């Protein structure tokens, strides 16, 4: 039943997007799975998510003298798509959250 609901939501989102006018300030949605000080650990999780067919990447962020490696899944055109994907991630990533970036 859960899979049917997810497929319905994704299908509805695709059809709904076709009827939406182009936004002058389009935004993309991403899911931040985690932020790590250890790049190797982030790379292991990145490979794991990519094997599971989640489009993932690492963004490096410098805070003071420390580097952090944010593990990001996405992009998604709608918040609904990001939300559905977030809820389909493995249980280890229930603390993940949705980010919005301007598409510039």
C-alpha atoms as a PDB file:
ATOM      1  CA  UNK A   1       0.000   0.000   0.000  1.00  0.00           C
ATOM      2  CA  UNK A   2       2.855   2.391   0.854  1.00  0.00           C
ATOM      3  CA  UNK A   3       4.481   1.799  -2.542  1.00  0.00           C
ATOM      4  CA  UNK A   4       1.172   2.511  -4.300  1.00  0.00           C
ATOM      5  CA  UNK A   5       0.842   5.801  -2.395  1.00  0.00           C
ATOM      6  CA  UNK A   6       4.413   6.840  -3.273  1.00  0.00           C
ATOM      7  CA  UNK A   7       3.862   6.001  -6.951  1.00  0.00           C
ATOM      8  CA  UNK A   8       0.586   7.927  -6.920  1.00  0.00           C
ATOM      9  CA  UNK A   9       2.237  10.992  -5.359  1.00  0.00           C
ATOM     10  CA  UNK A  10       5.163  10.896  -7.795  1.00  0.00           C
ATOM     11  CA  UNK A  11       2.846  10.446 -10.777  1.00  0.00           C
ATOM     12  CA  UNK A  12       0.559  13.238  -9.616  1.00  0.00           C
ATOM     13  CA  UNK A  13       3.587  15.492  -9.091  1.00  0.00           C
ATOM     14  CA  UNK A  14       4.798  14.847 -12.643  1.00  0.00           C
ATOM     15  CA  UNK A  15       1.388  15.622 -14.142  1.00  0.00           C
ATOM     16  CA  UNK A  16       0.892  18.653 -11.919  1.00  0.00           C
ATOM     17  CA  UNK A  17       4.282  20.028 -12.934  1.00  0.00           C
ATOM     18  CA  UNK A  18       3.276  19.975 -16.578  1.00  0.00           C
ATOM     19  CA  UNK A  19       0.421  22.401 -15.818  1.00  0.00           C
ATOM     20  CA  UNK A  20       2.474  24.827 -13.734  1.00  0.00           C
ATOM     21  CA  UNK A  21       3.710  28.026 -15.378  1.00  0.00           C
ATOM     22  CA  UNK A  22       7.443  28.623 -15.300  1.00  0.00           C
ATOM     23  CA  UNK A  23       8.427  30.413 -12.127  1.00  0.00           C
ATOM     24  CA  UNK A  24      10.690  33.440 -12.574  1.00  0.00           C
ATOM     25  CA  UNK A  25      12.674  32.346  -9.503  1.00  0.00           C
ATOM     26  CA  UNK A  26      12.728  28.529  -9.696  1.00  0.00           C
ATOM     27  CA  UNK A  27      13.925  26.679  -6.642  1.00  0.00           C
ATOM     28  CA  UNK A  28      15.353  23.219  -6.289  1.00  0.00           C
ATOM     29  CA  UNK A  29      14.932  20.997  -3.262  1.00  0.00           C
ATOM     30  CA  UNK A  30      17.579  18.770  -1.725  1.00  0.00           C
ATOM     31  CA  UNK A  31      17.784  16.432   1.249  1.00  0.00           C
ATOM     32  CA  UNK A  32      20.704  16.818   3.629  1.00  0.00           C
ATOM     33  CA  UNK A  33      21.446  13.368   4.971  1.00  0.00           C
ATOM     34  CA  UNK A  34      24.313  14.414   7.218  1.00  0.00           C
ATOM     35  CA  UNK A  35      27.371  16.568   7.766  1.00  0.00           C
ATOM     36  CA  UNK A  36      30.669  14.926   8.587  1.00  0.00           C
ATOM     37  CA  UNK A  37      34.145  16.039   9.575  1.00  0.00           C
ATOM     38  CA  UNK A  38      35.583  12.857   8.107  1.00  0.00           C
ATOM     39  CA  UNK A  39      35.491  13.006   4.295  1.00  0.00           C
ATOM     40  CA  UNK A  40      36.148   9.260   3.966  1.00  0.00           C
ATOM     41  CA  UNK A  41      33.043   8.473   6.027  1.00  0.00           C
ATOM     42  CA  UNK A  42      30.982  10.817   3.842  1.00  0.00           C
ATOM     43  CA  UNK A  43      32.344   9.073   0.723  1.00  0.00           C
ATOM     44  CA  UNK A  44      31.341   5.626   2.032  1.00  0.00           C
ATOM     45  CA  UNK A  45      27.779   6.801   2.633  1.00  0.00           C
ATOM     46  CA  UNK A  46      27.756   8.579  -0.744  1.00  0.00           C
ATOM     47  CA  UNK A  47      28.642   5.306  -2.490  1.00  0.00           C
ATOM     48  CA  UNK A  48      25.952   3.486  -0.493  1.00  0.00           C
ATOM     49  CA  UNK A  49      23.255   6.001  -1.470  1.00  0.00           C
ATOM     50  CA  UNK A  50      24.357   6.045  -5.107  1.00  0.00           C
ATOM     51  CA  UNK A  51      24.183   2.233  -5.224  1.00  0.00           C
ATOM     52  CA  UNK A  52      20.597   2.539  -3.974  1.00  0.00           C
ATOM     53  CA  UNK A  53      19.948   4.931  -6.911  1.00  0.00           C
ATOM     54  CA  UNK A  54      19.643   8.122  -4.839  1.00  0.00           C
ATOM     55  CA  UNK A  55      21.307  10.988  -6.743  1.00  0.00           C
ATOM     56  CA  UNK A  56      23.844  12.148  -4.153  1.00  0.00           C
ATOM     57  CA  UNK A  57      26.833  14.411  -3.824  1.00  0.00           C
ATOM     58  CA  UNK A  58      29.111  15.935  -1.202  1.00  0.00           C
ATOM     59  CA  UNK A  59      29.445  19.672  -0.583  1.00  0.00           C
ATOM     60  CA  UNK A  60      32.403  20.932   1.412  1.00  0.00           C
ATOM     61  CA  UNK A  61      31.690  23.744   3.862  1.00  0.00           C
ATOM     62  CA  UNK A  62      34.389  25.638   5.725  1.00  0.00           C
ATOM     63  CA  UNK A  63      33.473  26.863   9.211  1.00  0.00           C
ATOM     64  CA  UNK A  64      36.380  28.600  10.839  1.00  0.00           C
ATOM     65  CA  UNK A  65      39.370  26.288  10.551  1.00  0.00           C
ATOM     66  CA  UNK A  66      37.206  23.167  10.215  1.00  0.00           C
ATOM     67  CA  UNK A  67      35.917  21.552   7.034  1.00  0.00           C
ATOM     68  CA  UNK A  68      32.593  19.759   7.011  1.00  0.00           C
ATOM     69  CA  UNK A  69      31.305  17.505   4.272  1.00  0.00           C
ATOM     70  CA  UNK A  70      27.554  17.758   3.727  1.00  0.00           C
ATOM     71  CA  UNK A  71      25.945  14.731   2.111  1.00  0.00           C
ATOM     72  CA  UNK A  72      23.159  15.946  -0.185  1.00  0.00           C
ATOM     73  CA  UNK A  73      20.521  13.927  -2.084  1.00  0.00           C
ATOM     74  CA  UNK A  74      18.730  15.545  -5.010  1.00  0.00           C
ATOM     75  CA  UNK A  75      17.843  17.825  -6.724  1.00  0.00           C
ATOM     76  CA  UNK A  76      14.047  17.644  -6.830  1.00  0.00           C
ATOM     77  CA  UNK A  77      11.772  20.112  -8.577  1.00  0.00           C
ATOM     78  CA  UNK A  78       9.080  20.055  -5.918  1.00  0.00           C
ATOM     79  CA  UNK A  79       9.111  19.858  -2.161  1.00  0.00           C
ATOM     80  CA  UNK A  80       6.687  16.944  -2.404  1.00  0.00           C
ATOM     81  CA  UNK A  81       9.174  14.908  -4.451  1.00  0.00           C
ATOM     82  CA  UNK A  82      11.899  15.677  -1.907  1.00  0.00           C
ATOM     83  CA  UNK A  83       9.574  14.753   0.973  1.00  0.00           C
ATOM     84  CA  UNK A  84       8.613  11.423  -0.601  1.00  0.00           C
ATOM     85  CA  UNK A  85      12.271  10.603  -1.245  1.00  0.00           C
ATOM     86  CA  UNK A  86      13.249  11.647   2.290  1.00  0.00           C
ATOM     87  CA  UNK A  87      10.672   9.216   3.664  1.00  0.00           C
ATOM     88  CA  UNK A  88      11.987   6.420   1.442  1.00  0.00           C
ATOM     89  CA  UNK A  89      15.588   6.739   2.702  1.00  0.00           C
ATOM     90  CA  UNK A  90      16.940   3.948   4.927  1.00  0.00           C
ATOM     91  CA  UNK A  91      16.013   4.186   8.606  1.00  0.00           C
ATOM     92  CA  UNK A  92      19.520   5.400   9.505  1.00  0.00           C
ATOM     93  CA  UNK A  93      18.710   8.732   7.853  1.00  0.00           C
ATOM     94  CA  UNK A  94      15.441   9.661   9.554  1.00  0.00           C
ATOM     95  CA  UNK A  95      17.092  12.845  10.862  1.00  0.00           C
ATOM     96  CA  UNK A  96      17.638  14.132   7.316  1.00  0.00           C
ATOM     97  CA  UNK A  97      15.958  17.382   6.303  1.00  0.00           C
ATOM     98  CA  UNK A  98      14.955  19.270   3.165  1.00  0.00           C
ATOM     99  CA  UNK A  99      16.939  22.252   1.877  1.00  0.00           C
ATOM    100  CA  UNK A 100      15.914  24.798  -0.741  1.00  0.00           C
ATOM    101  CA  UNK A 101      18.364  26.432  -3.126  1.00  0.00           C
ATOM    102  CA  UNK A 102      17.653  28.991  -5.829  1.00  0.00           C
ATOM    103  CA  UNK A 103      18.351  27.565  -9.251  1.00  0.00           C
ATOM    104  CA  UNK A 104      20.733  30.191 -10.597  1.00  0.00           C
END
